[in-house]
Amino acid sequence: MSEKIIAVTGATGSQGGGVARTILADRDSGFAVRAVTRNPASPAARELAALGAEVVQADFHDEPTVHAAFEGAHGAFLVTNFWAHGSAEKETEEIGVLVRAAKSAGLRHAVWSTLEDTRELLPLDDDRMPVLQGKYNVPHFDAKGEGNRLFTEAGVPTTFLNTTYFYQGFLDAFLPRRGDDGVLTVTMPFEDGKLLAGVDVADIGRTAYALFQGGERFIGQTVSLAGDHLTGAQYAERLSAALGEPVRFQSVPYDVFRALDIPAAEEIANMFQYYGDFDREFTGVRDLDRLREINPALKSFDAWLAENASKIEVA
């Protein structure tokens, strides 16, 4: 019996790459990987080919190439990269391409990496945060969440995989840095005492694979991902234990962060304010027990630190 082809978009990125590698690592999966990438000659694409993936070229802005990449596939892992251009409008166009290609190919199972539409809980006329790009609170959330209905309306059999804050943020944007007093400090626009759902980005791949294995029972379902629910202070405590020296958490007011001269400051502050203001609704739907039933390898923050603390380059 031939293997079922899973087309993986973003295959050379962190999410798609995790899906491809997870499937390829299981010789008895019953699936074959078709890695979809704009540049099949890249080192990451060549590495996937060496692992056994079929690598094909496609570009979301050249729709016929996406249709060709999905042809004959059983399923697909679908992801868009808002940060490649920073435009919710462009991301919406890309989602439309994926939906049309998935429908045309007759996919039996799409796993769509998405996020909540924040406007369902926070209407645009609520003045607690600025409206961005004309009609969004958090553009990279809202465009994906709004795109969910396109899959449903087109009749594409889809599992909606909601992601969340990546632990990997502590390796770059929220790397612990030394304060003036020499103490390592995690500085985030997040309120003290609120719970932040975090996840290892590699668990997107492991969970998506489990969803493909589960097949029909997950179609039409929303699976909201997290590996741990911790406060800022608890993240700092665990970082301290892993690094072997004190780490403190410093909360930055949302409006202060929005005013910083850094890329996407308003978007990031709005995102963290949504996490904080709606922690019960956002974090509360991420049922860690159910998630570990789906993906028993789901990593807690402690488990992730055990493997990654050595990568945290503090001065």
Protein backbone atom coordinates (compact mmCIF):
# COMPACT_ATOMS: atom_id res chain seq x y z
CA MET A 1 0.00 0.00 0.00
CA SER A 2 1.53 3.31 -1.07
CA GLU A 3 2.28 6.03 1.46
CA LYS A 4 -0.08 8.98 1.73
CA ILE A 5 1.57 12.23 0.67
CA ILE A 6 1.53 15.12 3.13
CA ALA A 7 2.42 18.41 1.46
CA VAL A 8 4.18 20.65 3.96
CA THR A 9 4.23 24.39 3.32
CA GLY A 10 6.94 26.46 4.96
CA ALA A 11 8.99 23.28 4.98
CA THR A 12 12.30 25.10 5.46
CA GLY A 13 10.95 27.17 8.36
CA SER A 14 10.57 26.29 12.02
CA GLN A 15 6.93 25.14 11.87
CA GLY A 16 6.85 23.32 8.55
CA GLY A 17 10.34 21.98 9.09
CA GLY A 18 9.24 20.48 12.38
CA VAL A 19 6.28 18.75 10.72
CA ALA A 20 8.45 17.38 7.91
CA ARG A 21 11.18 16.09 10.22
CA THR A 22 8.71 14.49 12.62
CA ILE A 23 7.03 12.53 9.84
CA LEU A 24 10.32 11.59 8.18
CA ALA A 25 11.71 10.33 11.50
CA ASP A 26 8.97 7.68 11.73
CA ARG A 27 9.72 5.07 9.10
CA ASP A 28 6.39 3.37 9.80
CA SER A 29 4.27 6.53 9.58
CA GLY A 30 2.47 5.52 6.40
CA PHE A 31 3.06 9.07 5.14
CA ALA A 32 5.46 10.57 2.63
CA VAL A 33 6.58 14.18 2.87
CA ARG A 34 6.35 16.62 -0.01
CA ALA A 35 8.31 19.66 1.16
CA VAL A 36 6.97 22.83 -0.43
CA THR A 37 9.43 25.71 -0.59
CA ARG A 38 10.22 28.78 -2.68
CA ASN A 39 13.85 27.70 -2.95
CA PRO A 40 14.51 23.97 -3.40
CA ALA A 41 18.24 24.70 -3.66
CA SER A 42 18.51 26.10 -0.13
CA PRO A 43 20.55 24.16 2.45
CA ALA A 44 17.42 23.47 4.51
CA ALA A 45 15.60 22.08 1.46
CA ARG A 46 18.56 19.91 0.49
CA GLU A 47 18.70 18.57 4.04
CA LEU A 48 15.04 17.55 3.87
CA ALA A 49 15.67 15.85 0.54
CA ALA A 50 18.53 13.90 2.11
CA LEU A 51 16.13 12.75 4.84
CA GLY A 52 13.74 11.38 2.21
CA ALA A 53 11.40 14.24 1.40
CA GLU A 54 10.23 15.07 -2.10
CA VAL A 55 11.10 18.76 -2.49
CA VAL A 56 8.97 20.91 -4.82
CA GLN A 57 9.05 24.59 -5.67
CA ALA A 58 6.01 26.79 -5.07
CA ASP A 59 5.32 30.42 -4.23
CA PHE A 60 2.13 31.71 -2.61
CA HIS A 61 2.29 34.65 -5.03
CA ASP A 62 2.29 32.29 -8.01
CA GLU A 63 -0.93 30.39 -7.37
CA PRO A 64 -0.61 27.72 -10.08
CA THR A 65 2.63 26.50 -8.46
CA VAL A 66 0.78 25.90 -5.18
CA HIS A 67 -1.99 23.99 -6.94
CA ALA A 68 0.66 21.82 -8.61
CA ALA A 69 2.43 21.22 -5.29
CA PHE A 70 -0.78 19.90 -3.69
CA GLU A 71 -1.86 17.71 -6.59
CA GLY A 72 -2.13 14.06 -5.59
CA ALA A 73 -1.52 14.76 -1.90
CA HIS A 74 -3.62 13.16 0.84
CA GLY A 75 -3.15 16.04 3.24
CA ALA A 76 -1.21 19.22 3.89
CA PHE A 77 0.25 21.22 6.72
CA LEU A 78 -0.51 24.84 5.96
CA VAL A 79 1.24 27.89 7.42
CA THR A 80 1.75 31.49 6.37
CA ASN A 81 4.51 33.81 7.53
CA PHE A 82 3.11 37.23 8.42
CA TRP A 83 6.54 38.45 9.46
CA ALA A 84 7.92 38.00 5.94
CA HIS A 85 6.03 41.16 4.92
CA GLY A 86 4.13 42.42 7.99
CA SER A 87 0.86 42.87 6.11
CA ALA A 88 -2.44 41.34 7.22
CA GLU A 89 -3.87 42.07 3.78
CA LYS A 90 -1.10 40.10 2.07
CA GLU A 91 -1.47 37.26 4.57
CA THR A 92 -5.19 37.09 3.81
CA GLU A 93 -4.36 36.80 0.11
CA GLU A 94 -1.93 33.97 0.85
CA ILE A 95 -4.53 32.12 2.92
CA GLY A 96 -6.94 32.38 -0.01
CA VAL A 97 -4.36 30.77 -2.28
CA LEU A 98 -3.89 27.88 0.16
CA VAL A 99 -7.64 27.35 0.50
CA ARG A 100 -8.21 27.29 -3.25
CA ALA A 101 -5.28 24.95 -3.84
CA ALA A 102 -6.41 22.61 -1.05
CA LYS A 103 -9.95 22.54 -2.45
CA SER A 104 -8.79 21.99 -6.02
CA ALA A 105 -6.51 19.11 -5.00
CA GLY A 106 -9.28 17.41 -3.03
CA LEU A 107 -7.18 17.13 0.12
CA ARG A 108 -8.57 14.69 2.67
CA HIS A 109 -7.04 16.48 5.66
CA ALA A 110 -5.53 19.94 6.07
CA VAL A 111 -3.89 21.01 9.32
CA TRP A 112 -3.90 24.82 9.34
CA SER A 113 -1.52 26.62 11.73
CA THR A 114 -3.62 29.52 12.92
CA LEU A 115 -4.40 31.85 15.82
CA GLU A 116 -7.43 33.40 17.47
CA ASP A 117 -9.11 36.42 15.91
CA THR A 118 -8.74 38.86 18.83
CA ARG A 119 -11.69 40.94 17.62
CA GLU A 120 -14.09 38.23 18.78
CA LEU A 121 -13.28 39.22 22.37
CA LEU A 122 -12.02 42.75 21.81
CA PRO A 123 -14.13 44.80 19.38
CA LEU A 124 -12.29 47.47 17.44
CA ASP A 125 -14.28 50.23 19.20
CA ASP A 126 -12.77 49.16 22.54
CA ASP A 127 -10.14 51.83 23.14
CA ARG A 128 -7.78 49.84 25.38
CA MET A 129 -5.35 49.29 22.48
CA PRO A 130 -4.72 51.02 19.13
CA VAL A 131 -6.27 49.66 15.94
CA LEU A 132 -3.54 48.60 13.50
CA GLN A 133 -3.52 48.39 9.71
CA GLY A 134 -6.99 49.88 9.62
CA LYS A 135 -9.04 47.02 11.06
CA TYR A 136 -7.01 44.77 13.35
CA ASN A 137 -5.97 44.62 16.99
CA VAL A 138 -3.18 42.09 16.43
CA PRO A 139 -2.80 41.75 12.65
CA HIS A 140 -0.85 38.48 12.65
CA PHE A 141 -3.51 36.90 14.89
CA ASP A 142 -6.59 38.42 13.32
CA ALA A 143 -5.75 37.70 9.69
CA LYS A 144 -5.21 34.01 10.46
CA GLY A 145 -8.30 33.78 12.64
CA GLU A 146 -10.39 35.52 10.00
CA GLY A 147 -8.97 33.11 7.43
CA ASN A 148 -10.37 30.10 9.29
CA ARG A 149 -13.81 30.63 7.81
CA LEU A 150 -12.38 30.43 4.27
CA PHE A 151 -11.46 26.78 4.90
CA THR A 152 -14.88 26.06 6.34
CA GLU A 153 -16.78 27.85 3.58
CA ALA A 154 -14.76 26.03 0.91
CA GLY A 155 -15.48 22.66 2.52
CA VAL A 156 -11.81 21.82 3.02
CA PRO A 157 -11.57 19.11 5.74
CA THR A 158 -9.46 21.04 8.22
CA THR A 159 -8.06 20.82 11.72
CA PHE A 160 -7.42 24.29 13.13
CA LEU A 161 -4.20 24.24 15.15
CA ASN A 162 -3.99 27.38 17.28
CA THR A 163 -0.44 28.23 18.30
CA THR A 164 0.86 30.56 21.02
CA TYR A 165 4.00 32.23 22.39
CA PHE A 166 7.12 30.17 21.59
CA TYR A 167 9.64 29.29 24.31
CA GLN A 168 12.23 30.17 21.65
CA GLY A 169 11.46 33.82 22.40
CA PHE A 170 13.79 33.48 25.38
CA LEU A 171 16.65 32.83 22.95
CA ASP A 172 16.26 36.15 21.14
CA ALA A 173 13.60 38.85 21.61
CA PHE A 174 13.14 38.15 25.33
CA LEU A 175 16.61 36.86 26.13
CA PRO A 176 17.51 37.45 29.79
CA ARG A 177 19.76 40.53 29.93
CA ARG A 178 21.76 41.97 32.78
CA GLY A 179 20.36 44.97 34.54
CA ASP A 180 22.48 47.85 35.80
CA ASP A 181 22.92 45.89 39.02
CA GLY A 182 24.22 42.83 37.16
CA VAL A 183 21.11 40.68 37.72
CA LEU A 184 19.73 38.81 34.72
CA THR A 185 16.32 40.21 33.82
CA VAL A 186 13.52 39.02 31.55
CA THR A 187 11.74 42.16 30.36
CA MET A 188 8.34 41.69 28.73
CA PRO A 189 5.19 43.75 28.12
CA PHE A 190 3.15 41.40 30.27
CA GLU A 191 1.39 41.91 33.60
CA ASP A 192 2.59 40.38 36.85
CA GLY A 193 0.47 37.43 37.94
CA LYS A 194 -1.10 36.71 34.55
CA LEU A 195 -0.60 33.28 32.95
CA LEU A 196 1.18 33.12 29.60
CA ALA A 197 0.70 29.97 27.52
CA GLY A 198 4.03 28.94 25.99
CA VAL A 199 5.09 26.12 23.70
CA ASP A 200 8.16 24.63 22.04
CA VAL A 201 7.82 25.48 18.34
CA ALA A 202 8.86 21.88 17.59
CA ASP A 203 5.64 20.72 19.26
CA ILE A 204 3.70 22.22 16.39
CA GLY A 205 5.32 19.57 14.21
CA ARG A 206 4.82 16.77 16.71
CA THR A 207 1.19 17.72 17.30
CA ALA A 208 0.41 18.17 13.60
CA TYR A 209 1.78 14.69 12.94
CA ALA A 210 -0.47 13.28 15.67
CA LEU A 211 -3.43 15.04 14.07
CA PHE A 212 -2.66 13.50 10.68
CA GLN A 213 -2.39 10.10 12.36
CA GLY A 214 -5.73 10.65 14.07
CA GLY A 215 -7.30 11.52 10.75
CA GLU A 216 -11.04 12.00 10.53
CA ARG A 217 -11.68 12.32 14.26
CA PHE A 218 -9.81 15.65 14.27
CA ILE A 219 -11.39 17.13 11.14
CA GLY A 220 -13.44 20.20 11.98
CA GLN A 221 -11.86 20.47 15.42
CA THR A 222 -9.82 23.30 16.88
CA VAL A 223 -6.77 22.20 18.87
CA SER A 224 -5.30 25.07 20.89
CA LEU A 225 -1.66 24.40 21.65
CA ALA A 226 0.51 25.08 24.71
CA GLY A 227 3.10 23.18 26.70
CA ASP A 228 2.94 25.20 29.91
CA HIS A 229 0.95 27.97 31.58
CA LEU A 230 3.26 30.18 33.66
CA THR A 231 3.43 33.72 34.97
CA GLY A 232 6.33 35.96 34.03
CA ALA A 233 7.86 35.40 37.46
CA GLN A 234 7.54 31.62 37.07
CA TYR A 235 9.29 31.73 33.69
CA ALA A 236 12.08 33.71 35.37
CA GLU A 237 12.30 31.22 38.26
CA ARG A 238 12.72 28.32 35.87
CA LEU A 239 15.29 30.22 33.83
CA SER A 240 17.17 30.91 37.06
CA ALA A 241 17.25 27.23 37.98
CA ALA A 242 18.43 26.27 34.49
CA LEU A 243 21.10 28.98 34.24
CA GLY A 244 22.37 28.63 37.78
CA GLU A 245 21.99 32.28 38.77
CA PRO A 246 19.15 34.63 39.73
CA VAL A 247 16.79 35.78 37.00
CA ARG A 248 14.03 38.28 37.70
CA PHE A 249 10.95 39.24 35.71
CA GLN A 250 10.35 42.87 34.85
CA SER A 251 6.94 43.89 33.56
CA VAL A 252 6.84 46.76 31.06
CA PRO A 253 3.52 48.66 30.74
CA TYR A 254 1.89 48.05 27.37
CA ASP A 255 1.85 51.74 26.41
CA VAL A 256 5.51 52.11 27.31
CA PHE A 257 6.43 49.15 25.09
CA ARG A 258 4.30 50.49 22.21
CA ALA A 259 6.37 53.69 22.24
CA LEU A 260 9.72 51.88 21.97
CA ASP A 261 11.73 52.35 18.80
CA ILE A 262 11.80 48.68 17.87
CA PRO A 263 10.19 46.80 14.95
CA ALA A 264 6.49 45.98 15.41
CA ALA A 265 6.41 47.43 18.94
CA GLU A 266 2.68 48.22 18.74
CA GLU A 267 1.82 44.81 17.35
CA ILE A 268 3.85 42.98 20.03
CA ALA A 269 2.41 45.10 22.85
CA ASN A 270 -1.13 44.53 21.57
CA MET A 271 -0.45 40.79 21.42
CA PHE A 272 0.77 40.63 24.99
CA GLN A 273 -2.10 42.80 26.18
CA TYR A 274 -4.50 40.35 24.53
CA TYR A 275 -2.69 37.47 26.29
CA GLY A 276 -3.04 39.32 29.59
CA ASP A 277 -6.52 40.81 29.34
CA PHE A 278 -7.99 37.53 28.12
CA ASP A 279 -5.76 35.00 29.86
CA ARG A 280 -8.76 33.00 31.08
CA GLU A 281 -10.21 32.75 27.59
CA PHE A 282 -6.91 32.29 25.72
CA THR A 283 -4.87 30.23 28.16
CA GLY A 284 -7.96 28.59 29.62
CA VAL A 285 -8.88 26.78 26.39
CA ARG A 286 -5.40 25.27 26.13
CA ASP A 287 -6.05 22.06 28.05
CA LEU A 288 -2.63 20.63 28.83
CA ASP A 289 -3.98 17.20 29.81
CA ARG A 290 -5.91 16.82 26.55
CA LEU A 291 -2.95 18.09 24.56
CA ARG A 292 -0.67 15.49 26.14
CA GLU A 293 -3.15 12.80 25.20
CA ILE A 294 -2.79 13.94 21.57
CA ASN A 295 0.97 14.53 21.76
CA PRO A 296 2.57 12.69 24.71
CA ALA A 297 5.95 14.26 23.87
CA LEU A 298 4.61 17.80 24.47
CA LYS A 299 7.35 19.72 26.26
CA SER A 300 6.91 21.65 29.49
CA PHE A 301 9.10 24.74 29.88
CA ASP A 302 11.37 22.80 32.25
CA ALA A 303 11.79 20.02 29.68
CA TRP A 304 12.54 22.54 26.96
CA LEU A 305 15.10 24.29 29.18
CA ALA A 306 16.83 20.99 29.92
CA GLU A 307 17.61 20.76 26.19
CA ASN A 308 18.06 24.42 25.37
CA ALA A 309 19.44 26.34 28.36
CA SER A 310 22.95 26.07 26.90
CA LYS A 311 21.74 28.07 23.87
CA ILE A 312 20.76 31.06 26.03
CA GLU A 313 23.71 33.36 25.47
CA VAL A 314 23.82 35.76 28.39
CA ALA A 315 26.66 38.26 28.77
